[in-house]
Amino acid sequence: MPKEDFNGDPQTGGYIIEYRELSDFPSPLHSYPRVQLKGIYVREHNLSDLTIGKNYEIIVIPYNSQGNGPLSRPVSVYVGEAVPTGSPRSVKAEAVSATEVRLSWRPPKADQQNGDLSGYKIFYHSAPLNAKNLEEIEVISASDTSHSLIFLEMYTNYTISILVSELLYVIEEVTFSLNICYLGIQPCW
């Protein structure tokens, strides 16, 4: 809203954002959750307590010391899937042979997935990471909870990260190091 529309009192002005989940049973306007933003130059705000997969109606109300201004037209928005906030759990690594490690994990808790997971990404490299030891990446389906890394070097330390991903986002990783060492049947660590 332009400064001059605050009726000569822009110092005390700001905006109120009111929002509600759209449903078949509308709630009265005065029961909307609201956020008050101080300052007439505020141009954006993230509403963080919205539920994924729901439609919301949002209105903006300018205000100053003289009171509230006219309500904006309601805007309907759909809250889609969000970035996962949980990481893979119970991550384990087991030496299968002198050059293979079997990784296993459990997916993030359901309330931390924030929608459908698209998969996992496994990043690994021998230590230390440098021009000779480049990082490798393997992409794993969301339905898989284990994977084997093969053709690894014997007697070598590796750093391995497992990340959960959703659409274009990659978030929350578990990183660990291990030394590949296998003599006969028994691992040697």
N, C-alpha and C. Protein backbone atom coordinates (compact mmCIF):
# COMPACT_ATOMS: atom_id res chain seq x y z
N MET A 1 0.85 -1.16 0.00
CA MET A 1 0.00 0.00 0.00
C MET A 1 0.91 1.24 0.00
N PRO A 2 0.62 2.22 -0.84
CA PRO A 2 1.47 3.42 -0.88
C PRO A 2 1.44 4.18 0.45
N LYS A 3 2.55 4.84 0.76
CA LYS A 3 2.70 5.58 2.03
C LYS A 3 1.58 6.60 2.22
N GLU A 4 1.20 7.30 1.17
CA GLU A 4 0.17 8.34 1.29
C GLU A 4 -1.21 7.78 1.63
N ASP A 5 -1.44 6.50 1.40
CA ASP A 5 -2.73 5.89 1.72
C ASP A 5 -2.88 5.55 3.20
N PHE A 6 -1.84 5.77 4.00
CA PHE A 6 -1.93 5.53 5.43
C PHE A 6 -2.45 6.77 6.16
N ASN A 7 -3.09 7.68 5.44
CA ASN A 7 -3.77 8.87 5.98
C ASN A 7 -2.88 9.69 6.91
N GLY A 8 -1.69 10.01 6.46
CA GLY A 8 -0.83 10.89 7.21
C GLY A 8 -0.20 10.28 8.45
N ASP A 9 -0.33 8.98 8.66
CA ASP A 9 0.22 8.34 9.87
C ASP A 9 0.99 7.07 9.53
N PRO A 10 2.02 7.17 8.66
CA PRO A 10 2.74 5.95 8.28
C PRO A 10 3.66 5.41 9.39
N GLN A 11 4.01 6.23 10.39
CA GLN A 11 4.92 5.77 11.44
C GLN A 11 4.30 4.67 12.30
N THR A 12 3.00 4.67 12.46
CA THR A 12 2.35 3.64 13.29
C THR A 12 1.69 2.57 12.44
N GLY A 13 1.93 2.59 11.16
CA GLY A 13 1.25 1.67 10.25
C GLY A 13 1.89 0.30 10.15
N GLY A 14 1.13 -0.58 9.57
CA GLY A 14 1.57 -1.95 9.33
C GLY A 14 0.46 -2.74 8.68
N TYR A 15 0.56 -4.04 8.79
CA TYR A 15 -0.42 -4.92 8.17
C TYR A 15 -0.80 -6.04 9.13
N ILE A 16 -2.02 -6.51 9.00
CA ILE A 16 -2.49 -7.69 9.71
C ILE A 16 -2.80 -8.73 8.65
N ILE A 17 -2.26 -9.93 8.83
CA ILE A 17 -2.58 -11.03 7.92
C ILE A 17 -3.50 -11.97 8.69
N GLU A 18 -4.68 -12.22 8.12
CA GLU A 18 -5.61 -13.18 8.72
C GLU A 18 -5.78 -14.33 7.73
N TYR A 19 -5.85 -15.54 8.25
CA TYR A 19 -5.95 -16.70 7.38
C TYR A 19 -6.76 -17.79 8.07
N ARG A 20 -7.35 -18.64 7.25
CA ARG A 20 -8.08 -19.78 7.78
C ARG A 20 -8.09 -20.89 6.74
N GLU A 21 -8.19 -22.11 7.25
CA GLU A 21 -8.31 -23.26 6.35
C GLU A 21 -9.71 -23.24 5.75
N LEU A 22 -9.78 -23.42 4.44
CA LEU A 22 -11.08 -23.48 3.78
C LEU A 22 -11.74 -24.83 4.07
N SER A 23 -13.00 -24.78 4.41
CA SER A 23 -13.73 -26.01 4.69
C SER A 23 -15.19 -25.81 4.33
N ASP A 24 -15.96 -26.87 4.46
CA ASP A 24 -17.39 -26.78 4.17
C ASP A 24 -18.14 -26.01 5.25
N PHE A 25 -17.49 -25.79 6.38
CA PHE A 25 -18.11 -25.10 7.50
C PHE A 25 -17.28 -23.87 7.84
N PRO A 26 -17.54 -22.74 7.17
CA PRO A 26 -16.71 -21.55 7.39
C PRO A 26 -16.79 -21.05 8.83
N SER A 27 -15.69 -20.49 9.28
CA SER A 27 -15.64 -19.91 10.63
C SER A 27 -15.84 -18.41 10.53
N PRO A 28 -16.34 -17.78 11.60
CA PRO A 28 -16.52 -16.33 11.57
C PRO A 28 -15.18 -15.62 11.40
N LEU A 29 -15.22 -14.46 10.75
CA LEU A 29 -14.00 -13.72 10.46
C LEU A 29 -13.18 -13.42 11.70
N HIS A 30 -13.81 -13.12 12.82
CA HIS A 30 -13.06 -12.75 14.02
C HIS A 30 -12.30 -13.94 14.64
N SER A 31 -12.55 -15.16 14.15
CA SER A 31 -11.84 -16.32 14.70
C SER A 31 -10.63 -16.74 13.85
N TYR A 32 -10.31 -15.94 12.83
CA TYR A 32 -9.14 -16.24 12.01
C TYR A 32 -7.88 -16.13 12.86
N PRO A 33 -6.88 -17.01 12.63
CA PRO A 33 -5.56 -16.74 13.20
C PRO A 33 -5.04 -15.47 12.52
N ARG A 34 -4.22 -14.71 13.22
CA ARG A 34 -3.72 -13.47 12.63
C ARG A 34 -2.27 -13.23 13.01
N VAL A 35 -1.59 -12.52 12.12
CA VAL A 35 -0.21 -12.11 12.33
C VAL A 35 -0.16 -10.61 12.11
N GLN A 36 0.42 -9.88 13.07
CA GLN A 36 0.54 -8.44 12.92
C GLN A 36 1.97 -8.09 12.54
N LEU A 37 2.11 -7.36 11.43
CA LEU A 37 3.42 -6.95 10.93
C LEU A 37 3.55 -5.44 11.09
N LYS A 38 4.55 -4.99 11.81
CA LYS A 38 4.75 -3.57 12.04
C LYS A 38 5.62 -2.99 10.94
N GLY A 39 5.20 -1.83 10.43
CA GLY A 39 5.96 -1.16 9.38
C GLY A 39 5.23 -1.20 8.06
N ILE A 40 5.17 -0.07 7.39
CA ILE A 40 4.41 -0.01 6.14
C ILE A 40 5.20 -0.54 4.94
N TYR A 41 6.49 -0.79 5.13
CA TYR A 41 7.30 -1.27 4.01
C TYR A 41 7.49 -2.78 4.00
N VAL A 42 6.83 -3.48 4.91
CA VAL A 42 6.89 -4.94 4.93
C VAL A 42 6.18 -5.45 3.67
N ARG A 43 6.86 -6.29 2.91
CA ARG A 43 6.29 -6.76 1.63
C ARG A 43 6.05 -8.27 1.59
N GLU A 44 6.59 -9.00 2.58
CA GLU A 44 6.36 -10.44 2.57
C GLU A 44 6.46 -11.00 3.98
N HIS A 45 5.83 -12.14 4.17
CA HIS A 45 5.86 -12.84 5.45
C HIS A 45 5.55 -14.31 5.18
N ASN A 46 6.26 -15.22 5.84
CA ASN A 46 6.01 -16.66 5.70
C ASN A 46 5.08 -17.13 6.82
N LEU A 47 3.97 -17.72 6.46
CA LEU A 47 3.07 -18.33 7.43
C LEU A 47 3.55 -19.76 7.63
N SER A 48 4.02 -20.09 8.83
CA SER A 48 4.70 -21.37 9.04
C SER A 48 3.83 -22.45 9.65
N ASP A 49 2.65 -22.13 10.13
CA ASP A 49 1.84 -23.15 10.80
C ASP A 49 0.69 -23.67 9.94
N LEU A 50 0.87 -23.67 8.62
CA LEU A 50 -0.15 -24.19 7.71
C LEU A 50 0.03 -25.69 7.53
N THR A 51 -1.06 -26.37 7.24
CA THR A 51 -1.04 -27.82 7.07
C THR A 51 -0.88 -28.18 5.60
N ILE A 52 -0.01 -29.13 5.32
CA ILE A 52 0.24 -29.58 3.95
C ILE A 52 -1.02 -30.23 3.39
N GLY A 53 -1.28 -29.97 2.13
CA GLY A 53 -2.40 -30.57 1.44
C GLY A 53 -3.73 -29.89 1.71
N LYS A 54 -3.71 -28.69 2.26
CA LYS A 54 -4.95 -27.96 2.59
C LYS A 54 -5.02 -26.66 1.80
N ASN A 55 -6.24 -26.17 1.61
CA ASN A 55 -6.49 -24.87 0.99
C ASN A 55 -6.75 -23.85 2.08
N TYR A 56 -6.22 -22.65 1.90
CA TYR A 56 -6.39 -21.57 2.87
C TYR A 56 -6.89 -20.32 2.18
N GLU A 57 -7.61 -19.52 2.94
CA GLU A 57 -8.02 -18.19 2.49
C GLU A 57 -7.23 -17.18 3.32
N ILE A 58 -6.62 -16.21 2.64
CA ILE A 58 -5.77 -15.24 3.31
C ILE A 58 -6.26 -13.83 2.94
N ILE A 59 -6.34 -12.96 3.96
CA ILE A 59 -6.65 -11.56 3.71
C ILE A 59 -5.60 -10.70 4.41
N VAL A 60 -5.39 -9.50 3.87
CA VAL A 60 -4.44 -8.55 4.45
C VAL A 60 -5.20 -7.26 4.78
N ILE A 61 -4.94 -6.73 5.98
CA ILE A 61 -5.61 -5.51 6.44
C ILE A 61 -4.54 -4.49 6.82
N PRO A 62 -4.52 -3.32 6.17
CA PRO A 62 -3.59 -2.28 6.60
C PRO A 62 -4.12 -1.62 7.88
N TYR A 63 -3.22 -1.12 8.71
CA TYR A 63 -3.67 -0.42 9.92
C TYR A 63 -2.68 0.70 10.26
N ASN A 64 -3.15 1.62 11.09
CA ASN A 64 -2.29 2.63 11.72
C ASN A 64 -2.97 3.04 13.03
N SER A 65 -2.49 4.11 13.66
CA SER A 65 -3.02 4.52 14.96
C SER A 65 -4.49 4.94 14.88
N GLN A 66 -4.97 5.21 13.69
CA GLN A 66 -6.36 5.62 13.52
C GLN A 66 -7.31 4.42 13.41
N GLY A 67 -6.76 3.22 13.22
CA GLY A 67 -7.59 2.02 13.11
C GLY A 67 -7.22 1.19 11.90
N ASN A 68 -8.08 0.24 11.58
CA ASN A 68 -7.84 -0.66 10.45
C ASN A 68 -8.36 -0.05 9.16
N GLY A 69 -7.66 -0.37 8.07
CA GLY A 69 -8.10 0.05 6.75
C GLY A 69 -8.98 -1.03 6.13
N PRO A 70 -9.27 -0.88 4.84
CA PRO A 70 -10.12 -1.86 4.16
C PRO A 70 -9.41 -3.21 3.98
N LEU A 71 -10.18 -4.28 4.10
CA LEU A 71 -9.65 -5.63 3.90
C LEU A 71 -9.31 -5.84 2.43
N SER A 72 -8.25 -6.59 2.18
CA SER A 72 -7.96 -6.99 0.81
C SER A 72 -9.00 -8.01 0.37
N ARG A 73 -9.03 -8.27 -0.91
CA ARG A 73 -9.87 -9.38 -1.38
C ARG A 73 -9.25 -10.68 -0.88
N PRO A 74 -10.06 -11.66 -0.49
CA PRO A 74 -9.50 -12.94 -0.04
C PRO A 74 -8.75 -13.63 -1.18
N VAL A 75 -7.63 -14.23 -0.83
CA VAL A 75 -6.83 -14.99 -1.79
C VAL A 75 -6.82 -16.43 -1.30
N SER A 76 -7.12 -17.36 -2.20
CA SER A 76 -7.07 -18.78 -1.85
C SER A 76 -5.74 -19.36 -2.30
N VAL A 77 -5.11 -20.13 -1.42
CA VAL A 77 -3.84 -20.77 -1.75
C VAL A 77 -3.89 -22.23 -1.33
N TYR A 78 -3.19 -23.05 -2.07
CA TYR A 78 -3.05 -24.46 -1.73
C TYR A 78 -1.65 -24.67 -1.19
N VAL A 79 -1.54 -25.32 -0.04
CA VAL A 79 -0.24 -25.61 0.55
C VAL A 79 0.17 -27.01 0.10
N GLY A 80 1.16 -27.06 -0.76
CA GLY A 80 1.65 -28.34 -1.29
C GLY A 80 2.66 -28.98 -0.38
N GLU A 81 3.37 -29.93 -0.93
CA GLU A 81 4.39 -30.65 -0.15
C GLU A 81 5.53 -29.71 0.20
N ALA A 82 6.13 -29.97 1.34
CA ALA A 82 7.22 -29.14 1.82
C ALA A 82 8.50 -29.97 1.92
N VAL A 83 9.57 -29.29 2.21
CA VAL A 83 10.87 -29.93 2.37
C VAL A 83 10.83 -30.87 3.58
N PRO A 84 11.37 -32.08 3.46
CA PRO A 84 11.41 -32.97 4.63
C PRO A 84 12.20 -32.34 5.77
N THR A 85 11.72 -32.53 6.98
CA THR A 85 12.43 -31.98 8.14
C THR A 85 13.12 -33.07 8.96
N GLY A 86 12.92 -34.32 8.59
CA GLY A 86 13.57 -35.43 9.29
C GLY A 86 14.66 -36.06 8.46
N SER A 87 15.55 -36.77 9.13
CA SER A 87 16.64 -37.44 8.43
C SER A 87 16.43 -38.95 8.50
N PRO A 88 17.15 -39.71 7.65
CA PRO A 88 17.07 -41.16 7.75
C PRO A 88 17.46 -41.60 9.16
N ARG A 89 16.78 -42.62 9.68
CA ARG A 89 17.01 -43.07 11.06
C ARG A 89 17.66 -44.45 11.07
N SER A 90 18.26 -44.79 12.18
CA SER A 90 18.85 -46.12 12.41
C SER A 90 19.77 -46.54 11.27
N VAL A 91 20.64 -45.66 10.86
CA VAL A 91 21.55 -45.94 9.75
C VAL A 91 22.62 -46.93 10.21
N LYS A 92 22.82 -47.98 9.39
CA LYS A 92 23.83 -49.00 9.69
C LYS A 92 24.66 -49.27 8.45
N ALA A 93 25.92 -49.63 8.67
CA ALA A 93 26.81 -50.02 7.58
C ALA A 93 27.45 -51.35 7.96
N GLU A 94 27.44 -52.29 7.02
CA GLU A 94 28.00 -53.62 7.28
C GLU A 94 28.91 -54.00 6.12
N ALA A 95 30.13 -54.41 6.42
CA ALA A 95 31.05 -54.87 5.38
C ALA A 95 30.57 -56.23 4.87
N VAL A 96 30.30 -56.32 3.58
CA VAL A 96 29.87 -57.56 2.96
C VAL A 96 31.08 -58.30 2.40
N SER A 97 32.03 -57.54 1.88
CA SER A 97 33.28 -58.11 1.36
C SER A 97 34.36 -57.05 1.52
N ALA A 98 35.53 -57.31 0.98
CA ALA A 98 36.64 -56.37 1.10
C ALA A 98 36.39 -55.09 0.32
N THR A 99 35.43 -55.12 -0.62
CA THR A 99 35.18 -53.94 -1.45
C THR A 99 33.71 -53.54 -1.49
N GLU A 100 32.89 -54.07 -0.59
CA GLU A 100 31.46 -53.77 -0.60
C GLU A 100 30.95 -53.50 0.81
N VAL A 101 30.12 -52.47 0.92
CA VAL A 101 29.46 -52.14 2.18
C VAL A 101 27.96 -52.09 1.93
N ARG A 102 27.21 -52.73 2.81
CA ARG A 102 25.75 -52.72 2.74
C ARG A 102 25.24 -51.69 3.74
N LEU A 103 24.53 -50.66 3.25
CA LEU A 103 23.94 -49.63 4.08
C LEU A 103 22.47 -49.94 4.28
N SER A 104 21.95 -49.68 5.47
CA SER A 104 20.51 -49.82 5.71
C SER A 104 20.07 -48.68 6.61
N TRP A 105 18.80 -48.32 6.52
CA TRP A 105 18.25 -47.21 7.29
C TRP A 105 16.74 -47.33 7.35
N ARG A 106 16.16 -46.53 8.20
CA ARG A 106 14.70 -46.40 8.27
C ARG A 106 14.35 -44.99 7.79
N PRO A 107 13.20 -44.83 7.15
CA PRO A 107 12.85 -43.49 6.66
C PRO A 107 12.60 -42.52 7.81
N PRO A 108 12.57 -41.23 7.53
CA PRO A 108 12.23 -40.26 8.58
C PRO A 108 10.83 -40.56 9.12
N LYS A 109 10.56 -40.10 10.32
CA LYS A 109 9.22 -40.27 10.89
C LYS A 109 8.21 -39.65 9.94
N ALA A 110 7.00 -40.22 9.89
CA ALA A 110 5.97 -39.77 8.96
C ALA A 110 5.67 -38.28 9.10
N ASP A 111 5.63 -37.77 10.33
CA ASP A 111 5.32 -36.35 10.52
C ASP A 111 6.48 -35.43 10.16
N GLN A 112 7.62 -36.00 9.78
CA GLN A 112 8.78 -35.19 9.36
C GLN A 112 9.06 -35.34 7.86
N GLN A 113 8.22 -36.11 7.16
CA GLN A 113 8.43 -36.28 5.72
C GLN A 113 7.81 -35.15 4.91
N ASN A 114 6.75 -34.54 5.40
CA ASN A 114 6.10 -33.41 4.74
C ASN A 114 5.71 -33.70 3.30
N GLY A 115 5.11 -34.83 3.09
CA GLY A 115 4.68 -35.22 1.76
C GLY A 115 5.36 -36.50 1.32
N ASP A 116 5.26 -36.79 0.04
CA ASP A 116 5.86 -38.01 -0.49
C ASP A 116 7.35 -37.80 -0.74
N LEU A 117 8.15 -38.71 -0.23
CA LEU A 117 9.59 -38.65 -0.49
C LEU A 117 9.86 -39.11 -1.91
N SER A 118 10.83 -38.49 -2.56
CA SER A 118 11.16 -38.92 -3.91
C SER A 118 12.32 -39.90 -3.91
N GLY A 119 13.06 -39.99 -2.80
CA GLY A 119 14.15 -40.95 -2.74
C GLY A 119 15.23 -40.52 -1.76
N TYR A 120 16.34 -41.19 -1.88
CA TYR A 120 17.50 -40.92 -1.05
C TYR A 120 18.70 -40.68 -1.95
N LYS A 121 19.64 -39.89 -1.48
CA LYS A 121 20.89 -39.70 -2.20
C LYS A 121 22.01 -40.10 -1.25
N ILE A 122 22.90 -40.92 -1.76
CA ILE A 122 24.04 -41.36 -0.97
C ILE A 122 25.29 -40.73 -1.59
N PHE A 123 25.98 -39.93 -0.80
CA PHE A 123 27.23 -39.30 -1.21
C PHE A 123 28.35 -40.02 -0.46
N TYR A 124 29.41 -40.37 -1.15
CA TYR A 124 30.53 -41.01 -0.45
C TYR A 124 31.84 -40.70 -1.16
N HIS A 125 32.90 -40.71 -0.37
CA HIS A 125 34.24 -40.48 -0.90
C HIS A 125 35.25 -41.06 0.08
N SER A 126 36.40 -41.42 -0.46
CA SER A 126 37.48 -41.85 0.43
C SER A 126 38.11 -40.62 1.05
N ALA A 127 38.61 -40.79 2.24
CA ALA A 127 39.17 -39.65 2.97
C ALA A 127 40.65 -39.51 2.64
N PRO A 128 41.15 -38.30 2.56
CA PRO A 128 40.42 -37.04 2.59
C PRO A 128 39.86 -36.72 1.20
N LEU A 129 38.85 -35.85 1.18
CA LEU A 129 38.27 -35.43 -0.09
C LEU A 129 39.25 -34.48 -0.78
N ASN A 130 39.65 -34.82 -2.00
CA ASN A 130 40.56 -33.96 -2.76
C ASN A 130 40.37 -34.25 -4.24
N ALA A 131 41.23 -33.69 -5.08
CA ALA A 131 41.08 -33.86 -6.53
C ALA A 131 41.18 -35.32 -6.95
N LYS A 132 41.95 -36.13 -6.20
CA LYS A 132 42.11 -37.54 -6.53
C LYS A 132 40.90 -38.36 -6.03
N ASN A 133 40.38 -38.01 -4.86
CA ASN A 133 39.27 -38.74 -4.25
C ASN A 133 37.97 -37.96 -4.42
N LEU A 134 37.38 -38.03 -5.57
CA LEU A 134 36.17 -37.29 -5.86
C LEU A 134 34.96 -37.93 -5.19
N GLU A 135 33.97 -37.12 -4.89
CA GLU A 135 32.76 -37.61 -4.25
C GLU A 135 31.88 -38.32 -5.28
N GLU A 136 31.36 -39.47 -4.89
CA GLU A 136 30.45 -40.25 -5.72
C GLU A 136 29.03 -40.03 -5.20
N ILE A 137 28.03 -40.14 -6.09
CA ILE A 137 26.63 -39.97 -5.71
C ILE A 137 25.83 -41.13 -6.28
N GLU A 138 24.98 -41.71 -5.44
CA GLU A 138 24.04 -42.73 -5.90
C GLU A 138 22.65 -42.32 -5.48
N VAL A 139 21.70 -42.41 -6.40
CA VAL A 139 20.31 -42.03 -6.14
C VAL A 139 19.51 -43.30 -5.94
N ILE A 140 18.75 -43.34 -4.85
CA ILE A 140 18.01 -44.54 -4.44
C ILE A 140 16.53 -44.22 -4.38
N SER A 141 15.70 -45.16 -4.77
CA SER A 141 14.24 -45.00 -4.72
C SER A 141 13.76 -44.80 -3.28
N ALA A 142 12.65 -44.09 -3.13
CA ALA A 142 12.08 -43.84 -1.80
C ALA A 142 11.60 -45.13 -1.14
N SER A 143 11.28 -46.14 -1.92
CA SER A 143 10.80 -47.40 -1.34
C SER A 143 11.93 -48.28 -0.81
N ASP A 144 13.17 -47.96 -1.18
CA ASP A 144 14.32 -48.75 -0.71
C ASP A 144 14.82 -48.22 0.63
N THR A 145 15.20 -49.15 1.49
CA THR A 145 15.79 -48.75 2.78
C THR A 145 17.14 -49.43 2.99
N SER A 146 17.75 -49.88 1.91
CA SER A 146 19.10 -50.42 1.98
C SER A 146 19.73 -50.31 0.58
N HIS A 147 21.05 -50.31 0.59
CA HIS A 147 21.78 -50.19 -0.67
C HIS A 147 23.22 -50.64 -0.44
N SER A 148 23.80 -51.25 -1.46
CA SER A 148 25.21 -51.67 -1.37
C SER A 148 26.09 -50.73 -2.18
N LEU A 149 27.18 -50.31 -1.55
CA LEU A 149 28.22 -49.58 -2.26
C LEU A 149 29.28 -50.61 -2.64
N ILE A 150 29.57 -50.70 -3.94
CA ILE A 150 30.49 -51.73 -4.42
C ILE A 150 31.73 -51.10 -5.05
N PHE A 151 32.71 -51.92 -5.29
CA PHE A 151 33.98 -51.49 -5.90
C PHE A 151 34.71 -50.45 -5.05
N LEU A 152 34.61 -50.58 -3.72
CA LEU A 152 35.33 -49.69 -2.82
C LEU A 152 36.76 -50.19 -2.67
N GLU A 153 37.64 -49.33 -2.21
CA GLU A 153 39.04 -49.69 -2.01
C GLU A 153 39.22 -50.33 -0.63
N MET A 154 39.98 -51.43 -0.57
CA MET A 154 40.27 -52.06 0.72
C MET A 154 41.14 -51.15 1.57
N TYR A 155 41.00 -51.30 2.89
CA TYR A 155 41.82 -50.58 3.87
C TYR A 155 41.76 -49.07 3.67
N THR A 156 40.58 -48.56 3.38
CA THR A 156 40.39 -47.15 3.08
C THR A 156 39.27 -46.58 3.93
N ASN A 157 39.48 -45.38 4.46
CA ASN A 157 38.42 -44.68 5.19
C ASN A 157 37.49 -44.00 4.20
N TYR A 158 36.20 -44.15 4.42
CA TYR A 158 35.19 -43.50 3.60
C TYR A 158 34.29 -42.64 4.47
N THR A 159 33.89 -41.52 3.92
CA THR A 159 32.85 -40.70 4.55
C THR A 159 31.60 -40.88 3.69
N ILE A 160 30.51 -41.22 4.36
CA ILE A 160 29.27 -41.53 3.65
C ILE A 160 28.16 -40.66 4.24
N SER A 161 27.36 -40.05 3.36
CA SER A 161 26.19 -39.26 3.78
C SER A 161 24.97 -39.81 3.08
N ILE A 162 23.90 -40.00 3.84
CA ILE A 162 22.62 -40.42 3.27
C ILE A 162 21.64 -39.28 3.48
N LEU A 163 21.08 -38.76 2.39
CA LEU A 163 20.14 -37.66 2.46
C LEU A 163 18.79 -38.10 1.95
N VAL A 164 17.75 -37.59 2.58
CA VAL A 164 16.40 -37.84 2.10
C VAL A 164 16.04 -36.68 1.18
N SER A 165 15.37 -36.98 0.06
CA SER A 165 15.03 -35.90 -0.87
C SER A 165 13.56 -35.99 -1.25
N GLU A 166 13.04 -34.83 -1.60
CA GLU A 166 11.66 -34.71 -2.03
C GLU A 166 11.63 -33.75 -3.20
N LEU A 167 11.13 -34.18 -4.32
CA LEU A 167 11.09 -33.36 -5.52
C LEU A 167 12.47 -32.79 -5.79
N LEU A 168 12.62 -31.47 -5.75
CA LEU A 168 13.91 -30.86 -6.04
C LEU A 168 14.72 -30.57 -4.78
N TYR A 169 14.14 -30.87 -3.62
CA TYR A 169 14.81 -30.54 -2.37
C TYR A 169 15.64 -31.70 -1.86
N VAL A 170 16.76 -31.40 -1.27
CA VAL A 170 17.57 -32.39 -0.57
C VAL A 170 17.82 -31.81 0.81
N ILE A 171 17.37 -32.52 1.80
CA ILE A 171 17.42 -31.98 3.16
C ILE A 171 17.76 -33.10 4.11
N GLU A 172 18.27 -32.75 5.25
CA GLU A 172 18.49 -33.67 6.35
C GLU A 172 19.36 -34.87 5.96
N GLU A 173 20.56 -34.85 6.44
CA GLU A 173 21.48 -35.93 6.12
C GLU A 173 22.02 -36.58 7.37
N VAL A 174 22.47 -37.78 7.21
CA VAL A 174 23.19 -38.51 8.24
C VAL A 174 24.56 -38.79 7.65
N THR A 175 25.62 -38.37 8.33
CA THR A 175 26.98 -38.56 7.84
C THR A 175 27.76 -39.41 8.83
N PHE A 176 28.56 -40.33 8.32
CA PHE A 176 29.41 -41.15 9.18
C PHE A 176 30.62 -41.57 8.38
N SER A 177 31.65 -42.01 9.07
CA SER A 177 32.87 -42.51 8.43
C SER A 177 33.07 -43.96 8.80
N LEU A 178 33.66 -44.71 7.90
CA LEU A 178 34.00 -46.09 8.22
C LEU A 178 35.24 -46.49 7.44
N ASN A 179 35.92 -47.51 7.94
CA ASN A 179 37.12 -48.03 7.32
C ASN A 179 36.78 -49.39 6.73
N ILE A 180 36.95 -49.57 5.42
CA ILE A 180 36.67 -50.84 4.78
C ILE A 180 37.87 -51.75 4.99
N CYS A 181 37.65 -52.82 5.70
CA CYS A 181 38.72 -53.76 6.00
C CYS A 181 38.07 -55.12 6.18
N TYR A 182 38.47 -56.10 5.41
CA TYR A 182 37.81 -57.40 5.47
C TYR A 182 38.87 -58.47 5.21
N LEU A 183 39.08 -59.31 6.18
CA LEU A 183 40.04 -60.41 6.02
C LEU A 183 39.30 -61.72 6.10
N GLY A 184 39.19 -62.39 5.00
CA GLY A 184 38.47 -63.67 5.00
C GLY A 184 37.00 -63.45 5.31
N ILE A 185 36.52 -64.09 6.36
CA ILE A 185 35.10 -64.01 6.71
C ILE A 185 34.83 -62.90 7.71
N GLN A 186 35.74 -62.58 8.57
CA GLN A 186 35.52 -61.62 9.64
C GLN A 186 36.00 -60.21 9.25
N PRO A 187 35.15 -59.16 9.47
CA PRO A 187 35.63 -57.80 9.27
C PRO A 187 36.73 -57.52 10.30
N CYS A 188 37.68 -56.65 10.00
CA CYS A 188 38.82 -56.42 10.88
C CYS A 188 38.80 -55.06 11.55
N TRP A 189 37.66 -54.57 11.98
CA TRP A 189 37.66 -53.32 12.76
C TRP A 189 37.18 -53.53 14.13
